[in-house]
């Protein structure tokens, strides 16, 4: 029993390690809260304590789809709360980053299952013997490192490029969370179902039909997580486009205002020029020297040329 409990604890720790790798990637451009590192360390200690309790529950309910879903949703909620504690951001923004990280973690895991199940079908691992666990973990983390790098380059890097400032599109956020929830639920049901069909060890099957169904389920999960990551990228891209559109609309409005002011100024100048020409003609007709009052009147009329129009537009 103690050995089984240790196995479940390792499963929880591996899941948290992978999840926090992607938390570090998706949240690295968020504004940190005061006392960031104490919050990180203190929150991590609390999450690990909760993971120990989750491992105890996993031994009892991990064999059912509903129990497995409950355990992983609980851990995800705990880590999302930890993320919110560490960053000075709104909860929707934190949930957005956490959902993207969870989708990335699940995507890497399912990609590995596709590779692993293929190797089981070809009997690649039969000669590992007593060192099976060691070789399994070496292979898994080497694959995870490569997959995480690929996911970062394909999805997360573009996401981070547009993450600074602004409000999220809450409609797209809701769609992202919903799609991720459906994917996680189906993945849990699939894992429990095929664990009962496995022989010798998990994900090894005697019947070819079971292998094909398992790989089809893995591929569906990969596609679901990829869709979630594409939706997150689309969310921030749409937000940035709306911001740029707002800037352009403001610039056009300022240009229109500048044009109206300039047109009014030109009309006023034309009127003043007409007045000046009339006054000069009248003085010339009188054959008199210009009186001081007349000079002052002309200077006042000419002063319109020195007027500086301020619109607030720096363009």
Protein backbone atom coordinates (compact mmCIF):
# COMPACT_ATOMS: atom_id res chain seq x y z
CA UNK A 1 0.00 0.00 0.00
CA UNK A 2 2.83 2.38 0.86
CA UNK A 3 4.49 1.66 -2.49
CA UNK A 4 1.25 2.42 -4.33
CA UNK A 5 0.89 5.66 -2.39
CA UNK A 6 4.42 6.69 -3.44
CA UNK A 7 3.52 6.02 -7.08
CA UNK A 8 0.46 8.27 -6.85
CA UNK A 9 2.51 10.99 -5.18
CA UNK A 10 5.01 10.81 -8.06
CA UNK A 11 2.14 11.14 -10.55
CA UNK A 12 0.90 14.28 -8.78
CA UNK A 13 4.40 15.77 -8.58
CA UNK A 14 5.12 15.07 -12.25
CA UNK A 15 1.85 16.71 -13.24
CA UNK A 16 2.59 19.79 -11.12
CA UNK A 17 6.15 20.04 -12.43
CA UNK A 18 4.97 20.01 -16.04
CA UNK A 19 2.15 22.45 -15.31
CA UNK A 20 4.44 24.93 -13.56
CA UNK A 21 6.91 24.79 -16.45
CA UNK A 22 4.18 26.17 -18.67
CA UNK A 23 2.96 28.56 -15.97
CA UNK A 24 6.46 30.05 -15.98
CA UNK A 25 6.24 30.48 -19.76
CA UNK A 26 2.68 31.82 -20.12
CA UNK A 27 2.77 34.17 -17.11
CA UNK A 28 6.26 35.61 -17.40
CA UNK A 29 5.05 38.92 -18.86
CA UNK A 30 2.40 39.52 -16.21
CA UNK A 31 2.90 42.18 -13.52
CA UNK A 32 4.34 40.63 -10.37
CA UNK A 33 2.71 41.26 -7.02
CA UNK A 34 4.73 42.81 -4.14
CA UNK A 35 6.76 40.15 -2.34
CA UNK A 36 6.72 37.95 -5.43
CA UNK A 37 9.24 35.29 -4.37
CA UNK A 38 7.84 34.74 -0.85
CA UNK A 39 4.44 34.33 -2.46
CA UNK A 40 5.87 31.84 -4.95
CA UNK A 41 7.61 29.73 -2.31
CA UNK A 42 4.85 29.90 0.28
CA UNK A 43 2.16 29.12 -2.27
CA UNK A 44 4.20 26.27 -3.71
CA UNK A 45 4.51 24.70 -0.27
CA UNK A 46 0.73 24.90 0.13
CA UNK A 47 0.17 23.38 -3.33
CA UNK A 48 2.52 20.50 -2.52
CA UNK A 49 0.62 19.83 0.71
CA UNK A 50 -2.62 19.76 -1.26
CA UNK A 51 -1.01 17.46 -3.82
CA UNK A 52 -0.14 15.00 -1.05
CA UNK A 53 -3.80 14.98 -0.01
CA UNK A 54 -4.83 14.62 -3.67
CA UNK A 55 -2.56 11.58 -3.97
CA UNK A 56 -4.38 9.96 -1.04
CA UNK A 57 -7.71 10.63 -2.73
CA UNK A 58 -6.36 9.46 -6.07
CA UNK A 59 -5.67 6.02 -4.64
CA UNK A 60 -9.36 5.73 -3.77
CA UNK A 61 -11.04 7.44 -6.71
CA UNK A 62 -8.38 7.54 -9.44
CA UNK A 63 -9.76 4.40 -11.02
CA UNK A 64 -12.99 6.19 -11.98
CA UNK A 65 -13.38 8.91 -14.59
CA UNK A 66 -15.30 11.20 -12.25
CA UNK A 67 -12.75 10.76 -9.46
CA UNK A 68 -9.81 11.43 -11.78
CA UNK A 69 -11.51 14.54 -13.18
CA UNK A 70 -12.19 15.82 -9.66
CA UNK A 71 -8.56 15.35 -8.58
CA UNK A 72 -7.06 17.14 -11.58
CA UNK A 73 -9.62 19.96 -11.52
CA UNK A 74 -8.85 20.44 -7.82
CA UNK A 75 -5.11 20.64 -8.50
CA UNK A 76 -5.64 23.00 -11.42
CA UNK A 77 -7.81 25.29 -9.27
CA UNK A 78 -5.20 25.28 -6.48
CA UNK A 79 -2.37 26.15 -8.87
CA UNK A 80 -4.47 28.84 -10.59
CA UNK A 81 -5.15 30.40 -7.18
CA UNK A 82 -1.40 30.29 -6.49
CA UNK A 83 -0.79 32.04 -9.81
CA UNK A 84 -3.30 34.74 -8.90
CA UNK A 85 -1.53 35.23 -5.56
CA UNK A 86 1.81 35.83 -7.29
CA UNK A 87 0.73 38.33 -9.94
CA UNK A 88 -0.96 41.70 -9.74
CA UNK A 89 -3.51 40.87 -12.43
CA UNK A 90 -7.25 40.29 -12.68
CA UNK A 91 -8.51 36.75 -12.15
CA UNK A 92 -9.72 36.40 -15.78
CA UNK A 93 -6.21 37.23 -17.01
CA UNK A 94 -4.69 34.66 -14.65
CA UNK A 95 -7.29 32.07 -15.65
CA UNK A 96 -6.49 32.78 -19.28
CA UNK A 97 -2.77 32.07 -18.76
CA UNK A 98 -3.49 29.04 -16.56
CA UNK A 99 -5.82 27.53 -19.17
CA UNK A 100 -3.20 28.00 -21.88
CA UNK A 101 -0.58 26.35 -19.65
CA UNK A 102 -2.85 23.40 -18.84
CA UNK A 103 -3.65 22.92 -22.54
CA UNK A 104 0.09 22.97 -23.35
CA UNK A 105 0.86 20.43 -20.60
CA UNK A 106 -1.91 18.09 -21.76
CA UNK A 107 -0.83 18.48 -25.37
CA UNK A 108 2.72 17.39 -24.55
CA UNK A 109 1.46 14.45 -22.48
CA UNK A 110 -0.85 13.22 -25.24
CA UNK A 111 1.87 13.57 -27.86
CA UNK A 112 4.03 11.37 -25.67
CA UNK A 113 1.23 8.80 -25.37
CA UNK A 114 0.98 8.62 -29.16
CA UNK A 115 4.71 7.93 -29.31
CA UNK A 116 4.63 5.50 -26.36
CA UNK A 117 1.67 3.48 -27.60
CA UNK A 118 3.35 3.15 -30.97
CA UNK A 119 6.44 1.77 -29.25
CA UNK A 120 4.34 -0.66 -27.21
CA UNK A 121 2.69 -1.94 -30.39
CA UNK A 122 6.14 -2.52 -31.91
CA UNK A 123 7.46 -4.07 -28.64
CA UNK A 124 10.34 -1.58 -28.35
CA UNK A 125 10.43 -1.70 -24.56
CA UNK A 126 10.37 -5.43 -23.89
CA UNK A 127 14.11 -5.61 -23.25
CA UNK A 128 14.27 -2.91 -20.58
CA UNK A 129 13.86 -5.42 -17.75
CA UNK A 130 14.59 -4.22 -14.21
CA UNK A 131 15.50 -0.72 -15.40
CA UNK A 132 12.14 -0.15 -17.03
CA UNK A 133 11.13 2.73 -14.70
CA UNK A 134 14.47 4.50 -15.18
CA UNK A 135 14.38 4.24 -18.95
CA UNK A 136 10.72 5.23 -19.02
CA UNK A 137 11.35 8.46 -17.12
CA UNK A 138 14.47 9.31 -19.12
CA UNK A 139 12.52 8.87 -22.34
CA UNK A 140 9.52 10.73 -21.02
CA UNK A 141 11.38 13.85 -19.89
CA UNK A 142 13.56 13.95 -22.99
CA UNK A 143 10.37 13.84 -25.06
CA UNK A 144 8.68 16.40 -22.80
CA UNK A 145 11.59 18.83 -23.22
CA UNK A 146 11.40 18.57 -27.02
CA UNK A 147 7.60 18.80 -27.06
CA UNK A 148 7.57 21.77 -24.68
CA UNK A 149 10.07 23.59 -26.88
CA UNK A 150 7.94 22.94 -29.95
CA UNK A 151 4.74 24.08 -28.20
CA UNK A 152 6.50 27.24 -27.04
CA UNK A 153 7.69 28.09 -30.54
CA UNK A 154 4.39 27.25 -32.23
CA UNK A 155 1.90 28.72 -29.75
CA UNK A 156 3.19 30.37 -26.58
CA UNK A 157 5.79 32.69 -28.14
CA UNK A 158 3.13 34.31 -30.33
CA UNK A 159 0.81 34.51 -27.34
CA UNK A 160 3.39 36.36 -25.24
CA UNK A 161 4.09 38.81 -28.06
CA UNK A 162 0.59 40.26 -27.64
CA UNK A 163 0.08 39.78 -23.87
CA UNK A 164 1.11 43.22 -22.63
CA UNK A 165 -1.65 45.59 -21.51
CA UNK A 166 -5.29 45.89 -22.45
CA UNK A 167 -8.38 43.89 -21.60
CA UNK A 168 -9.09 40.35 -22.67
CA UNK A 169 -11.91 39.31 -24.92
CA UNK A 170 -14.08 37.60 -22.28
CA UNK A 171 -16.18 35.84 -24.89
CA UNK A 172 -13.13 34.14 -26.37
CA UNK A 173 -11.84 33.42 -22.86
CA UNK A 174 -15.09 31.62 -22.04
CA UNK A 175 -14.84 29.57 -25.25
CA UNK A 176 -11.23 28.67 -24.41
CA UNK A 177 -12.06 27.49 -20.89
CA UNK A 178 -15.06 25.53 -22.15
CA UNK A 179 -13.05 23.81 -24.88
CA UNK A 180 -10.30 22.95 -22.38
CA UNK A 181 -12.84 21.55 -19.89
CA UNK A 182 -14.42 19.30 -22.50
CA UNK A 183 -10.99 18.08 -23.63
CA UNK A 184 -9.86 17.29 -20.08
CA UNK A 185 -13.10 15.44 -19.28
CA UNK A 186 -12.87 13.31 -22.42
CA UNK A 187 -9.18 12.61 -21.79
CA UNK A 188 -9.90 11.40 -18.25
CA UNK A 189 -12.70 9.13 -19.43
CA UNK A 190 -10.45 7.77 -22.17
CA UNK A 191 -7.51 7.13 -19.80
CA UNK A 192 -9.68 5.22 -17.31
CA UNK A 193 -11.40 3.19 -20.02
CA UNK A 194 -8.19 2.11 -21.78
CA UNK A 195 -6.40 1.42 -18.48
CA UNK A 196 -8.92 -1.42 -17.95
CA UNK A 197 -8.24 -2.75 -21.46
CA UNK A 198 -4.46 -2.77 -21.05
CA UNK A 199 -2.50 -5.98 -20.51
CA UNK A 200 0.84 -6.46 -18.73
CA UNK A 201 1.12 -2.69 -18.23
CA UNK A 202 -0.91 0.40 -19.06
CA UNK A 203 -1.24 1.33 -22.75
CA UNK A 204 -0.26 -2.11 -24.00
CA UNK A 205 -3.06 -3.94 -25.78
CA UNK A 206 -3.60 -7.42 -27.15
CA UNK A 207 -6.24 -6.43 -29.70
CA UNK A 208 -5.37 -4.19 -32.62
CA UNK A 209 -8.79 -2.51 -32.36
CA UNK A 210 -7.99 -1.32 -28.85
CA UNK A 211 -4.68 0.13 -30.02
CA UNK A 212 -6.35 2.00 -32.90
CA UNK A 213 -9.05 3.40 -30.61
CA UNK A 214 -6.44 4.48 -28.07
CA UNK A 215 -4.39 6.29 -30.70
CA UNK A 216 -7.50 7.91 -32.14
CA UNK A 217 -8.40 9.18 -28.67
CA UNK A 218 -4.87 10.50 -28.16
CA UNK A 219 -4.99 12.27 -31.51
CA UNK A 220 -8.35 13.81 -30.67
CA UNK A 221 -6.92 15.12 -27.38
CA UNK A 222 -3.92 16.61 -29.18
CA UNK A 223 -6.22 18.37 -31.63
CA UNK A 224 -8.43 19.63 -28.79
CA UNK A 225 -5.50 21.11 -26.87
CA UNK A 226 -4.06 22.63 -30.05
CA UNK A 227 -7.44 24.29 -30.71
CA UNK A 228 -7.42 25.72 -27.16
CA UNK A 229 -3.94 27.18 -27.69
CA UNK A 230 -4.96 28.64 -31.05
CA UNK A 231 -8.03 30.19 -29.42
CA UNK A 232 -5.84 31.82 -26.76
CA UNK A 233 -3.60 33.26 -29.46
CA UNK A 234 -6.65 34.47 -31.36
CA UNK A 235 -7.98 36.14 -28.21
CA UNK A 236 -4.94 38.35 -27.67
CA UNK A 237 -4.55 39.06 -31.39
CA UNK A 238 -8.16 40.27 -31.60
CA UNK A 239 -7.62 42.44 -28.54
CA UNK A 240 -4.51 44.01 -30.08
CA UNK A 241 -6.31 44.62 -33.38
CA UNK A 242 -9.12 46.39 -31.51
CA UNK A 243 -6.58 48.57 -29.73
CA UNK A 244 -4.88 49.48 -33.01
CA UNK A 245 -8.27 50.24 -34.56
CA UNK A 246 -9.04 52.53 -31.63
CA UNK A 247 -5.74 54.37 -32.12
CA UNK A 248 -6.45 54.79 -35.83
CA UNK A 249 -9.97 56.07 -35.18
CA UNK A 250 -8.59 58.58 -32.68
CA UNK A 251 -5.95 59.74 -35.18
CA UNK A 252 -8.59 60.14 -37.92
CA UNK A 253 -10.82 62.11 -35.54
CA UNK A 254 -7.93 64.39 -34.60
CA UNK A 255 -7.08 64.89 -38.27
CA UNK A 256 -10.68 65.81 -39.04
CA UNK A 257 -10.67 68.26 -36.13
CA UNK A 258 -7.40 69.78 -37.35
CA UNK A 259 -8.86 70.14 -40.84
CA UNK A 260 -11.99 71.89 -39.56
CA UNK A 261 -9.95 74.31 -37.44
CA UNK A 262 -7.57 75.01 -40.34
CA UNK A 263 -10.47 75.65 -42.71
CA UNK A 264 -12.11 78.06 -40.26
CA UNK A 265 -8.78 79.83 -39.78
CA UNK A 266 -8.26 80.22 -43.54
CA UNK A 267 -11.77 81.64 -43.94
CA UNK A 268 -11.08 84.13 -41.17
CA UNK A 269 -7.76 85.14 -42.76
CA UNK A 270 -9.48 85.71 -46.09
CA UNK A 271 -12.01 88.00 -44.41
CA UNK A 272 -9.24 89.96 -42.66
CA UNK A 273 -7.26 90.30 -45.88
CA UNK A 274 -10.32 91.68 -47.60
CA UNK A 275 -10.77 94.20 -44.77
CA UNK A 276 -7.11 95.23 -44.98
CA UNK A 277 -7.31 95.77 -48.72
CA UNK A 278 -10.47 97.84 -48.27
CA UNK A 279 -8.90 100.02 -45.55
CA UNK A 280 -5.70 100.56 -47.53
CA UNK A 281 -7.72 101.53 -50.57
CA UNK A 282 -9.78 103.96 -48.54
CA UNK A 283 -6.66 105.61 -47.09
CA UNK A 284 -5.02 105.85 -50.49
CA UNK A 285 -8.14 107.48 -51.91
CA UNK A 286 -8.09 110.10 -49.12
CA UNK A 287 -4.47 110.93 -49.88
CA UNK A 288 -3.70 111.17 -46.20
CA UNK A 289 -0.92 109.86 -44.07
CA UNK A 290 -1.96 106.90 -41.98
CA UNK A 291 -3.14 107.91 -38.58
CA UNK A 292 -1.89 105.97 -35.49
CA UNK A 293 -5.38 104.60 -34.91
CA UNK A 294 -5.47 103.25 -38.46
CA UNK A 295 -2.03 101.64 -38.05
CA UNK A 296 -3.13 99.97 -34.82
CA UNK A 297 -6.28 98.71 -36.51
CA UNK A 298 -4.25 97.21 -39.36
CA UNK A 299 -1.80 95.59 -36.92
CA UNK A 300 -4.70 94.03 -35.08
CA UNK A 301 -6.06 92.64 -38.32
CA UNK A 302 -2.66 91.30 -39.38
CA UNK A 303 -2.13 89.62 -36.00
CA UNK A 304 -4.43 86.82 -37.14
CA UNK A 305 -1.48 85.43 -39.11
CA UNK A 306 0.45 84.87 -35.88
CA UNK A 307 -2.33 82.82 -34.28
CA UNK A 308 -1.25 79.30 -33.28
CA UNK A 309 -3.94 76.69 -33.33
CA UNK A 310 -3.61 74.01 -30.61
CA UNK A 311 -5.54 70.77 -31.24
CA UNK A 312 -3.76 68.40 -28.88
CA UNK A 313 -2.72 66.24 -31.85
CA UNK A 314 1.00 65.57 -31.98
CA UNK A 315 0.84 64.18 -35.53
